[in-house]
PDB file of N, CA and C in Angstrom:
ATOM      1  N   MET A   1     -25.104-252.613-166.190  1.00  0.00           N
ATOM      2  CA  MET A   1     -24.410-252.699-167.448  1.00  0.00           C
ATOM      3  C   MET A   1     -25.433-252.993-168.534  1.00  0.00           C
ATOM      4  N   LEU A   2     -25.344-252.268-169.632  1.00  0.00           N
ATOM      5  CA  LEU A   2     -26.289-252.436-170.733  1.00  0.00           C
ATOM      6  C   LEU A   2     -25.718-253.351-171.817  1.00  0.00           C
ATOM      7  N   PHE A   3     -26.603-254.201-172.343  1.00  0.00           N
ATOM      8  CA  PHE A   3     -26.236-255.104-173.432  1.00  0.00           C
ATOM      9  C   PHE A   3     -27.326-255.082-174.490  1.00  0.00           C
ATOM     10  N   LYS A   4     -26.909-255.050-175.750  1.00  0.00           N
ATOM     11  CA  LYS A   4     -27.830-255.276-176.862  1.00  0.00           C
ATOM     12  C   LYS A   4     -27.759-256.766-177.188  1.00  0.00           C
ATOM     13  N   VAL A   5     -28.920-257.399-177.273  1.00  0.00           N
ATOM     14  CA  VAL A   5     -28.973-258.831-177.544  1.00  0.00           C
ATOM     15  C   VAL A   5     -29.900-259.065-178.732  1.00  0.00           C
ATOM     16  N   GLU A   6     -29.385-259.741-179.745  1.00  0.00           N
ATOM     17  CA  GLU A   6     -30.183-260.134-180.901  1.00  0.00           C
ATOM     18  C   GLU A   6     -30.455-261.625-180.785  1.00  0.00           C
ATOM     19  N   MET A   7     -31.743-261.984-180.844  1.00  0.00           N
ATOM     20  CA  MET A   7     -32.139-263.385-180.701  1.00  0.00           C
ATOM     21  C   MET A   7     -32.964-263.802-181.914  1.00  0.00           C
ATOM     22  N   THR A   8     -32.559-264.887-182.535  1.00  0.00           N
ATOM     23  CA  THR A   8     -33.321-265.483-183.625  1.00  0.00           C
ATOM     24  C   THR A   8     -33.704-266.892-183.198  1.00  0.00           C
ATOM     25  N   VAL A   9     -34.996-267.204-183.309  1.00  0.00           N
ATOM     26  CA  VAL A   9     -35.510-268.501-182.870  1.00  0.00           C
ATOM     27  C   VAL A   9     -35.676-269.413-184.076  1.00  0.00           C
ATOM     28  N   ASN A  10     -35.187-270.631-183.949  1.00  0.00           N
ATOM     29  CA  ASN A  10     -35.299-271.647-184.993  1.00  0.00           C
ATOM     30  C   ASN A  10     -35.841-272.928-184.374  1.00  0.00           C
ATOM     31  N   ILE A  11     -37.162-273.004-184.233  1.00  0.00           N
ATOM     32  CA  ILE A  11     -37.782-274.197-183.663  1.00  0.00           C
ATOM     33  C   ILE A  11     -37.704-275.312-184.701  1.00  0.00           C
ATOM     34  N   PRO A  12     -37.213-276.468-184.305  1.00  0.00           N
ATOM     35  CA  PRO A  12     -37.055-277.556-185.281  1.00  0.00           C
ATOM     36  C   PRO A  12     -38.396-278.048-185.825  1.00  0.00           C
ATOM     37  N   TYR A  13     -38.403-278.351-187.104  1.00  0.00           N
ATOM     38  CA  TYR A  13     -39.586-278.913-187.751  1.00  0.00           C
ATOM     39  C   TYR A  13     -39.943-280.214-187.046  1.00  0.00           C
ATOM     40  N   GLY A  14     -41.216-280.391-186.807  1.00  0.00           N
ATOM     41  CA  GLY A  14     -41.671-281.637-186.198  1.00  0.00           C
ATOM     42  C   GLY A  14     -41.851-281.572-184.698  1.00  0.00           C
ATOM     43  N   LEU A  15     -41.401-280.509-184.055  1.00  0.00           N
ATOM     44  CA  LEU A  15     -41.622-280.380-182.615  1.00  0.00           C
ATOM     45  C   LEU A  15     -43.131-280.209-182.409  1.00  0.00           C
ATOM     46  N   PRO A  16     -43.741-281.016-181.555  1.00  0.00           N
ATOM     47  CA  PRO A  16     -45.195-280.956-181.399  1.00  0.00           C
ATOM     48  C   PRO A  16     -45.697-279.545-181.068  1.00  0.00           C
ATOM     49  N   VAL A  17     -46.802-279.169-181.694  1.00  0.00           N
ATOM     50  CA  VAL A  17     -47.374-277.834-181.534  1.00  0.00           C
ATOM     51  C   VAL A  17     -47.676-277.542-180.069  1.00  0.00           C
ATOM     52  N   LYS A  18     -48.217-278.502-179.354  1.00  0.00           N
ATOM     53  CA  LYS A  18     -48.536-278.288-177.932  1.00  0.00           C
ATOM     54  C   LYS A  18     -47.271-277.948-177.139  1.00  0.00           C
ATOM     55  N   GLU A  19     -46.192-278.649-177.401  1.00  0.00           N
ATOM     56  CA  GLU A  19     -44.915-278.379-176.722  1.00  0.00           C
ATOM     57  C   GLU A  19     -44.409-276.979-177.080  1.00  0.00           C
ATOM     58  N   GLN A  20     -44.540-276.589-178.349  1.00  0.00           N
ATOM     59  CA  GLN A  20     -44.141-275.248-178.772  1.00  0.00           C
ATOM     60  C   GLN A  20     -44.956-274.186-178.035  1.00  0.00           C
ATOM     61  N   GLU A  21     -46.260-274.373-177.966  1.00  0.00           N
ATOM     62  CA  GLU A  21     -47.136-273.399-177.312  1.00  0.00           C
ATOM     63  C   GLU A  21     -46.812-273.263-175.830  1.00  0.00           C
ATOM     64  N   GLU A  22     -46.520-274.391-175.166  1.00  0.00           N
ATOM     65  CA  GLU A  22     -46.167-274.358-173.740  1.00  0.00           C
ATOM     66  C   GLU A  22     -44.855-273.600-173.527  1.00  0.00           C
ATOM     67  N   MET A  23     -43.869-273.860-174.385  1.00  0.00           N
ATOM     68  CA  MET A  23     -42.583-273.152-174.277  1.00  0.00           C
ATOM     69  C   MET A  23     -42.765-271.658-174.507  1.00  0.00           C
ATOM     70  N   LYS A  24     -43.560-271.295-175.507  1.00  0.00           N
ATOM     71  CA  LYS A  24     -43.792-269.881-175.811  1.00  0.00           C
ATOM     72  C   LYS A  24     -44.502-269.184-174.658  1.00  0.00           C
ATOM     73  N   ALA A  25     -45.433-269.857-174.002  1.00  0.00           N
ATOM     74  CA  ALA A  25     -46.130-269.270-172.852  1.00  0.00           C
ATOM     75  C   ALA A  25     -45.162-269.052-171.690  1.00  0.00           C
ATOM     76  N   ARG A  26     -44.293-270.032-171.427  1.00  0.00           N
ATOM     77  CA  ARG A  26     -43.284-269.878-170.356  1.00  0.00           C
ATOM     78  C   ARG A  26     -42.303-268.757-170.706  1.00  0.00           C
ATOM     79  N   GLU A  27     -41.924-268.693-171.972  1.00  0.00           N
ATOM     80  CA  GLU A  27     -41.000-267.648-172.442  1.00  0.00           C
ATOM     81  C   GLU A  27     -41.608-266.256-172.216  1.00  0.00           C
ATOM     82  N   LYS A  28     -42.871-266.094-172.572  1.00  0.00           N
ATOM     83  CA  LYS A  28     -43.546-264.801-172.410  1.00  0.00           C
ATOM     84  C   LYS A  28     -43.614-264.404-170.945  1.00  0.00           C
ATOM     85  N   ALA A  29     -44.004-265.336-170.079  1.00  0.00           N
ATOM     86  CA  ALA A  29     -44.087-265.042-168.645  1.00  0.00           C
ATOM     87  C   ALA A  29     -42.712-264.662-168.084  1.00  0.00           C
ATOM     88  N   TYR A  30     -41.686-265.406-168.462  1.00  0.00           N
ATOM     89  CA  TYR A  30     -40.317-265.153-167.988  1.00  0.00           C
ATOM     90  C   TYR A  30     -39.840-263.777-168.458  1.00  0.00           C
ATOM     91  N   SER A  31     -40.042-263.475-169.742  1.00  0.00           N
ATOM     92  CA  SER A  31     -39.562-262.191-170.269  1.00  0.00           C
ATOM     93  C   SER A  31     -40.332-261.022-169.659  1.00  0.00           C
ATOM     94  N   GLN A  32     -41.625-261.195-169.439  1.00  0.00           N
ATOM     95  CA  GLN A  32     -42.392-260.098-168.845  1.00  0.00           C
ATOM     96  C   GLN A  32     -42.005-259.863-167.387  1.00  0.00           C
ATOM     97  N   ARG A  33     -41.671-260.932-166.660  1.00  0.00           N
ATOM     98  CA  ARG A  33     -41.189-260.761-165.279  1.00  0.00           C
ATOM     99  C   ARG A  33     -39.878-259.969-165.284  1.00  0.00           C
ATOM    100  N   LEU A  34     -38.968-260.314-166.192  1.00  0.00           N
ATOM    101  CA  LEU A  34     -37.685-259.604-166.280  1.00  0.00           C
ATOM    102  C   LEU A  34     -37.895-258.149-166.699  1.00  0.00           C
ATOM    103  N   GLN A  35     -38.891-257.890-167.547  1.00  0.00           N
ATOM    104  CA  GLN A  35     -39.196-256.512-167.934  1.00  0.00           C
ATOM    105  C   GLN A  35     -39.709-255.724-166.730  1.00  0.00           C
ATOM    106  N   ARG A  36     -40.612-256.329-165.957  1.00  0.00           N
ATOM    107  CA  ARG A  36     -41.118-255.645-164.760  1.00  0.00           C
ATOM    108  C   ARG A  36     -40.006-255.364-163.754  1.00  0.00           C
ATOM    109  N   GLU A  37     -39.026-256.253-163.669  1.00  0.00           N
ATOM    110  CA  GLU A  37     -37.886-256.074-162.759  1.00  0.00           C
ATOM    111  C   GLU A  37     -36.893-255.038-163.277  1.00  0.00           C
ATOM    112  N   GLY A  38     -37.025-254.608-164.536  1.00  0.00           N
ATOM    113  CA  GLY A  38     -36.125-253.625-165.117  1.00  0.00           C
ATOM    114  C   GLY A  38     -34.864-254.204-165.725  1.00  0.00           C
ATOM    115  N   LYS A  39     -34.750-255.522-165.744  1.00  0.00           N
ATOM    116  CA  LYS A  39     -33.552-256.151-166.316  1.00  0.00           C
ATOM    117  C   LYS A  39     -33.643-256.257-167.834  1.00  0.00           C
ATOM    118  N   TRP A  40     -34.850-256.523-168.354  1.00  0.00           N
ATOM    119  CA  TRP A  40     -35.075-256.597-169.796  1.00  0.00           C
ATOM    120  C   TRP A  40     -35.748-255.287-170.159  1.00  0.00           C
ATOM    121  N   ARG A  41     -34.924-254.290-170.480  1.00  0.00           N
ATOM    122  CA  ARG A  41     -35.429-252.935-170.602  1.00  0.00           C
ATOM    123  C   ARG A  41     -36.254-252.691-171.856  1.00  0.00           C
ATOM    124  N   HIS A  42     -35.824-253.218-172.984  1.00  0.00           N
ATOM    125  CA  HIS A  42     -36.540-253.012-174.254  1.00  0.00           C
ATOM    126  C   HIS A  42     -36.547-254.309-175.043  1.00  0.00           C
ATOM    127  N   ILE A  43     -37.624-254.506-175.831  1.00  0.00           N
ATOM    128  CA  ILE A  43     -37.693-255.639-176.749  1.00  0.00           C
ATOM    129  C   ILE A  43     -38.453-255.187-177.994  1.00  0.00           C
ATOM    130  N   TRP A  44     -37.851-255.444-179.151  1.00  0.00           N
ATOM    131  CA  TRP A  44     -38.464-255.110-180.438  1.00  0.00           C
ATOM    132  C   TRP A  44     -38.462-256.348-181.314  1.00  0.00           C
ATOM    133  N   ARG A  45     -39.576-256.588-181.984  1.00  0.00           N
ATOM    134  CA  ARG A  45     -39.653-257.672-182.955  1.00  0.00           C
ATOM    135  C   ARG A  45     -38.953-257.223-184.233  1.00  0.00           C
ATOM    136  N   VAL A  46     -38.285-258.139-184.905  1.00  0.00           N
ATOM    137  CA  VAL A  46     -37.697-257.868-186.209  1.00  0.00           C
ATOM    138  C   VAL A  46     -38.728-258.293-187.244  1.00  0.00           C
ATOM    139  N   ALA A  47     -39.209-257.338-188.039  1.00  0.00           N
ATOM    140  CA  ALA A  47     -40.266-257.614-189.009  1.00  0.00           C
ATOM    141  C   ALA A  47     -39.861-258.730-189.964  1.00  0.00           C
ATOM    142  N   GLY A  48     -40.767-259.674-190.129  1.00  0.00           N
ATOM    143  CA  GLY A  48     -40.561-260.752-191.079  1.00  0.00           C
ATOM    144  C   GLY A  48     -39.739-261.915-190.575  1.00  0.00           C
ATOM    145  N   LEU A  49     -39.262-261.852-189.341  1.00  0.00           N
ATOM    146  CA  LEU A  49     -38.452-262.924-188.780  1.00  0.00           C
ATOM    147  C   LEU A  49     -38.998-263.331-187.419  1.00  0.00           C
ATOM    148  N   TYR A  50     -38.675-264.546-186.996  1.00  0.00           N
ATOM    149  CA  TYR A  50     -38.967-264.948-185.622  1.00  0.00           C
ATOM    150  C   TYR A  50     -37.726-264.545-184.830  1.00  0.00           C
ATOM    151  N   ALA A  51     -37.613-263.238-184.583  1.00  0.00           N
ATOM    152  CA  ALA A  51     -36.408-262.678-183.990  1.00  0.00           C
ATOM    153  C   ALA A  51     -36.748-261.398-183.243  1.00  0.00           C
ATOM    154  N   ASN A  52     -35.855-261.023-182.332  1.00  0.00           N
ATOM    155  CA  ASN A  52     -36.009-259.750-181.631  1.00  0.00           C
ATOM    156  C   ASN A  52     -34.656-259.133-181.359  1.00  0.00           C
ATOM    157  N   ILE A  53     -34.711-257.833-181.098  1.00  0.00           N
ATOM    158  CA  ILE A  53     -33.546-257.091-180.606  1.00  0.00           C
ATOM    159  C   ILE A  53     -33.960-256.526-179.260  1.00  0.00           C
ATOM    160  N   SER A  54     -33.154-256.787-178.247  1.00  0.00           N
ATOM    161  CA  SER A  54     -33.490-256.396-176.888  1.00  0.00           C
ATOM    162  C   SER A  54     -32.335-255.651-176.251  1.00  0.00           C
ATOM    163  N   VAL A  55     -32.670-254.861-175.227  1.00  0.00           N
ATOM    164  CA  VAL A  55     -31.666-254.202-174.396  1.00  0.00           C
ATOM    165  C   VAL A  55     -31.871-254.690-172.969  1.00  0.00           C
ATOM    166  N   PHE A  56     -30.806-255.207-172.381  1.00  0.00           N
ATOM    167  CA  PHE A  56     -30.822-255.691-171.004  1.00  0.00           C
ATOM    168  C   PHE A  56     -30.004-254.746-170.130  1.00  0.00           C
ATOM    169  N   ASP A  57     -30.451-254.545-168.916  1.00  0.00           N
ATOM    170  CA  ASP A  57     -29.750-253.736-167.915  1.00  0.00           C
ATOM    171  C   ASP A  57     -29.481-254.646-166.725  1.00  0.00           C
ATOM    172  N   VAL A  58     -28.275-255.209-166.682  1.00  0.00           N
ATOM    173  CA  VAL A  58     -27.922-256.214-165.675  1.00  0.00           C
ATOM    174  C   VAL A  58     -26.608-255.840-164.997  1.00  0.00           C
ATOM    175  N   GLN A  59     -26.297-256.560-163.917  1.00  0.00           N
ATOM    176  CA  GLN A  59     -25.083-256.288-163.150  1.00  0.00           C
ATOM    177  C   GLN A  59     -23.817-256.513-163.983  1.00  0.00           C
ATOM    178  N   ASP A  60     -23.797-257.643-164.726  1.00  0.00           N
ATOM    179  CA  ASP A  60     -22.590-257.987-165.482  1.00  0.00           C
ATOM    180  C   ASP A  60     -22.910-259.060-166.523  1.00  0.00           C
ATOM    181  N   ALA A  61     -21.896-259.473-167.263  1.00  0.00           N
ATOM    182  CA  ALA A  61     -22.080-260.469-168.324  1.00  0.00           C
ATOM    183  C   ALA A  61     -22.548-261.807-167.761  1.00  0.00           C
ATOM    184  N   GLU A  62     -22.123-262.157-166.574  1.00  0.00           N
ATOM    185  CA  GLU A  62     -22.545-263.420-165.966  1.00  0.00           C
ATOM    186  C   GLU A  62     -24.048-263.426-165.695  1.00  0.00           C
ATOM    187  N   GLU A  63     -24.590-262.313-165.182  1.00  0.00           N
ATOM    188  CA  GLU A  63     -26.026-262.242-164.941  1.00  0.00           C
ATOM    189  C   GLU A  63     -26.790-262.365-166.270  1.00  0.00           C
ATOM    190  N   LEU A  64     -26.315-261.678-167.301  1.00  0.00           N
ATOM    191  CA  LEU A  64     -26.955-261.780-168.613  1.00  0.00           C
ATOM    192  C   LEU A  64     -26.921-263.225-169.104  1.00  0.00           C
ATOM    193  N   HIS A  65     -25.789-263.868-168.957  1.00  0.00           N
ATOM    194  CA  HIS A  65     -25.637-265.262-169.385  1.00  0.00           C
ATOM    195  C   HIS A  65     -26.676-266.150-168.702  1.00  0.00           C
ATOM    196  N   GLN A  66     -26.831-265.989-167.400  1.00  0.00           N
ATOM    197  CA  GLN A  66     -27.796-266.803-166.651  1.00  0.00           C
ATOM    198  C   GLN A  66     -29.223-266.520-167.110  1.00  0.00           C
ATOM    199  N   ILE A  67     -29.546-265.256-167.354  1.00  0.00           N
ATOM    200  CA  ILE A  67     -30.878-264.898-167.844  1.00  0.00           C
ATOM    201  C   ILE A  67     -31.146-265.548-169.199  1.00  0.00           C
ATOM    202  N   LEU A  68     -30.198-265.419-170.116  1.00  0.00           N
ATOM    203  CA  LEU A  68     -30.390-265.973-171.459  1.00  0.00           C
ATOM    204  C   LEU A  68     -30.515-267.493-171.427  1.00  0.00           C
ATOM    205  N   MET A  69     -29.706-268.148-170.612  1.00  0.00           N
ATOM    206  CA  MET A  69     -29.783-269.609-170.523  1.00  0.00           C
ATOM    207  C   MET A  69     -31.090-270.067-169.892  1.00  0.00           C
ATOM    208  N   GLY A  70     -31.752-269.173-169.136  1.00  0.00           N
ATOM    209  CA  GLY A  70     -33.028-269.507-168.519  1.00  0.00           C
ATOM    210  C   GLY A  70     -34.215-269.379-169.452  1.00  0.00           C
ATOM    211  N   LEU A  71     -33.999-268.832-170.648  1.00  0.00           N
ATOM    212  CA  LEU A  71     -35.097-268.695-171.611  1.00  0.00           C
ATOM    213  C   LEU A  71     -35.567-270.080-172.058  1.00  0.00           C
ATOM    214  N   PRO A  72     -36.866-270.379-171.964  1.00  0.00           N
ATOM    215  CA  PRO A  72     -37.342-271.689-172.397  1.00  0.00           C
ATOM    216  C   PRO A  72     -37.000-272.020-173.853  1.00  0.00           C
ATOM    217  N   LEU A  73     -36.926-271.005-174.716  1.00  0.00           N
ATOM    218  CA  LEU A  73     -36.586-271.251-176.123  1.00  0.00           C
ATOM    219  C   LEU A  73     -35.078-271.199-176.387  1.00  0.00           C
ATOM    220  N   TYR A  74     -34.280-271.019-175.343  1.00  0.00           N
ATOM    221  CA  TYR A  74     -32.822-270.894-175.500  1.00  0.00           C
ATOM    222  C   TYR A  74     -32.212-271.998-176.377  1.00  0.00           C
ATOM    223  N   PRO A  75     -32.625-273.268-176.211  1.00  0.00           N
ATOM    224  CA  PRO A  75     -31.998-274.315-177.041  1.00  0.00           C
ATOM    225  C   PRO A  75     -32.189-274.120-178.545  1.00  0.00           C
ATOM    226  N   PHE A  76     -33.170-273.285-178.923  1.00  0.00           N
ATOM    227  CA  PHE A  76     -33.481-273.102-180.333  1.00  0.00           C
ATOM    228  C   PHE A  76     -33.097-271.712-180.837  1.00  0.00           C
ATOM    229  N   MET A  77     -32.253-271.014-180.081  1.00  0.00           N
ATOM    230  CA  MET A  77     -31.910-269.632-180.421  1.00  0.00           C
ATOM    231  C   MET A  77     -30.486-269.481-180.918  1.00  0.00           C
ATOM    232  N   GLU A  78     -30.346-268.551-181.835  1.00  0.00           N
ATOM    233  CA  GLU A  78     -29.034-268.024-182.202  1.00  0.00           C
ATOM    234  C   GLU A  78     -28.989-266.645-181.552  1.00  0.00           C
ATOM    235  N   ILE A  79     -27.971-266.390-180.723  1.00  0.00           N
ATOM    236  CA  ILE A  79     -27.915-265.168-179.925  1.00  0.00           C
ATOM    237  C   ILE A  79     -26.602-264.434-180.183  1.00  0.00           C
ATOM    238  N   HIS A  80     -26.713-263.119-180.365  1.00  0.00           N
ATOM    239  CA  HIS A  80     -25.539-262.254-180.501  1.00  0.00           C
ATOM    240  C   HIS A  80     -25.641-261.164-179.440  1.00  0.00           C
ATOM    241  N   VAL A  81     -24.558-260.961-178.697  1.00  0.00           N
ATOM    242  CA  VAL A  81     -24.545-260.009-177.582  1.00  0.00           C
ATOM    243  C   VAL A  81     -23.470-258.954-177.824  1.00  0.00           C
ATOM    244  N   GLU A  82     -23.827-257.703-177.538  1.00  0.00           N
ATOM    245  CA  GLU A  82     -22.867-256.602-177.603  1.00  0.00           C
ATOM    246  C   GLU A  82     -23.040-255.732-176.362  1.00  0.00           C
ATOM    247  N   ALA A  83     -21.932-255.418-175.699  1.00  0.00           N
ATOM    248  CA  ALA A  83     -21.973-254.499-174.558  1.00  0.00           C
ATOM    249  C   ALA A  83     -22.165-253.075-175.079  1.00  0.00           C
ATOM    250  N   LEU A  84     -22.922-252.279-174.325  1.00  0.00           N
ATOM    251  CA  LEU A  84     -23.191-250.894-174.711  1.00  0.00           C
ATOM    252  C   LEU A  84     -22.607-249.941-173.669  1.00  0.00           C
ATOM    253  N   CYS A  85     -22.230-248.758-174.114  1.00  0.00           N
ATOM    254  CA  CYS A  85     -21.782-247.712-173.186  1.00  0.00           C
ATOM    255  C   CYS A  85     -22.289-246.365-173.706  1.00  0.00           C
ATOM    256  N   ARG A  86     -22.278-245.395-172.819  1.00  0.00           N
ATOM    257  CA  ARG A  86     -22.797-244.072-173.176  1.00  0.00           C
ATOM    258  C   ARG A  86     -22.003-243.462-174.324  1.00  0.00           C
ATOM    259  N   HIS A  87     -22.712-242.743-175.169  1.00  0.00           N
ATOM    260  CA  HIS A  87     -22.076-242.036-176.273  1.00  0.00           C
ATOM    261  C   HIS A  87     -21.811-240.608-175.809  1.00  0.00           C
ATOM    262  N   PRO A  88     -20.643-240.051-176.114  1.00  0.00           N
ATOM    263  CA  PRO A  88     -20.326-238.704-175.629  1.00  0.00           C
ATOM    264  C   PRO A  88     -21.235-237.612-176.204  1.00  0.00           C
ATOM    265  N   SER A  89     -21.940-237.892-177.279  1.00  0.00           N
ATOM    266  CA  SER A  89     -22.847-236.898-177.862  1.00  0.00           C
ATOM    267  C   SER A  89     -24.280-236.992-177.335  1.00  0.00           C
ATOM    268  N   SER A  90     -24.527-237.945-176.438  1.00  0.00           N
ATOM    269  CA  SER A  90     -25.880-238.114-175.901  1.00  0.00           C
ATOM    270  C   SER A  90     -26.300-236.872-175.118  1.00  0.00           C
ATOM    271  N   ILE A  91     -27.557-236.456-175.300  1.00  0.00           N
ATOM    272  CA  ILE A  91     -28.070-235.298-174.565  1.00  0.00           C
ATOM    273  C   ILE A  91     -28.725-235.702-173.244  1.00  0.00           C
ATOM    274  N   HIS A  92     -28.790-236.991-172.957  1.00  0.00           N
ATOM    275  CA  HIS A  92     -29.426-237.489-171.731  1.00  0.00           C
ATOM    276  C   HIS A  92     -28.425-237.579-170.584  1.00  0.00           C
ATOM    277  N   ASP A  93     -28.917-237.276-169.378  1.00  0.00           N
ATOM    278  CA  ASP A  93     -28.057-237.320-168.193  1.00  0.00           C
ATOM    279  C   ASP A  93     -27.825-238.713-167.662  1.00  0.00           C
ATOM    280  N   SER A  94     -28.699-239.638-168.009  1.00  0.00           N
ATOM    281  CA  SER A  94     -28.537-240.999-167.523  1.00  0.00           C
ATOM    282  C   SER A  94     -28.931-241.989-168.617  1.00  0.00           C
ATOM    283  N   ASP A  95     -28.691-243.249-168.349  1.00  0.00           N
ATOM    284  CA  ASP A  95     -29.032-244.312-169.303  1.00  0.00           C
ATOM    285  C   ASP A  95     -30.435-244.848-169.078  1.00  0.00           C
ATOM    286  N   LYS A  96     -31.146-244.366-168.097  1.00  0.00           N
ATOM    287  CA  LYS A  96     -32.493-244.879-167.765  1.00  0.00           C
ATOM    288  C   LYS A  96     -33.539-244.281-168.649  1.00  0.00           C
TER     289      LYS A  96
END
């Protein structure tokens, strides 16, 4: 099942820089593992913001929920999720 996920990060002022850097390193490793597994299919940075738009390919909404809650920066994120489905005008035979 495909989902579009918009994530905006709002790290609180005053959080120690070392703690921020450690969280960002864990976040990068976690997201890259999910990308290699094919679950986090696409990720794009939103210019000018600490935000991204991503496409996830997961079994269901529960799996997506668990993945998102596992993000080290999750406590500082505003997240919007939309389920995606094939468009009848698509020229592609599959969603891959």
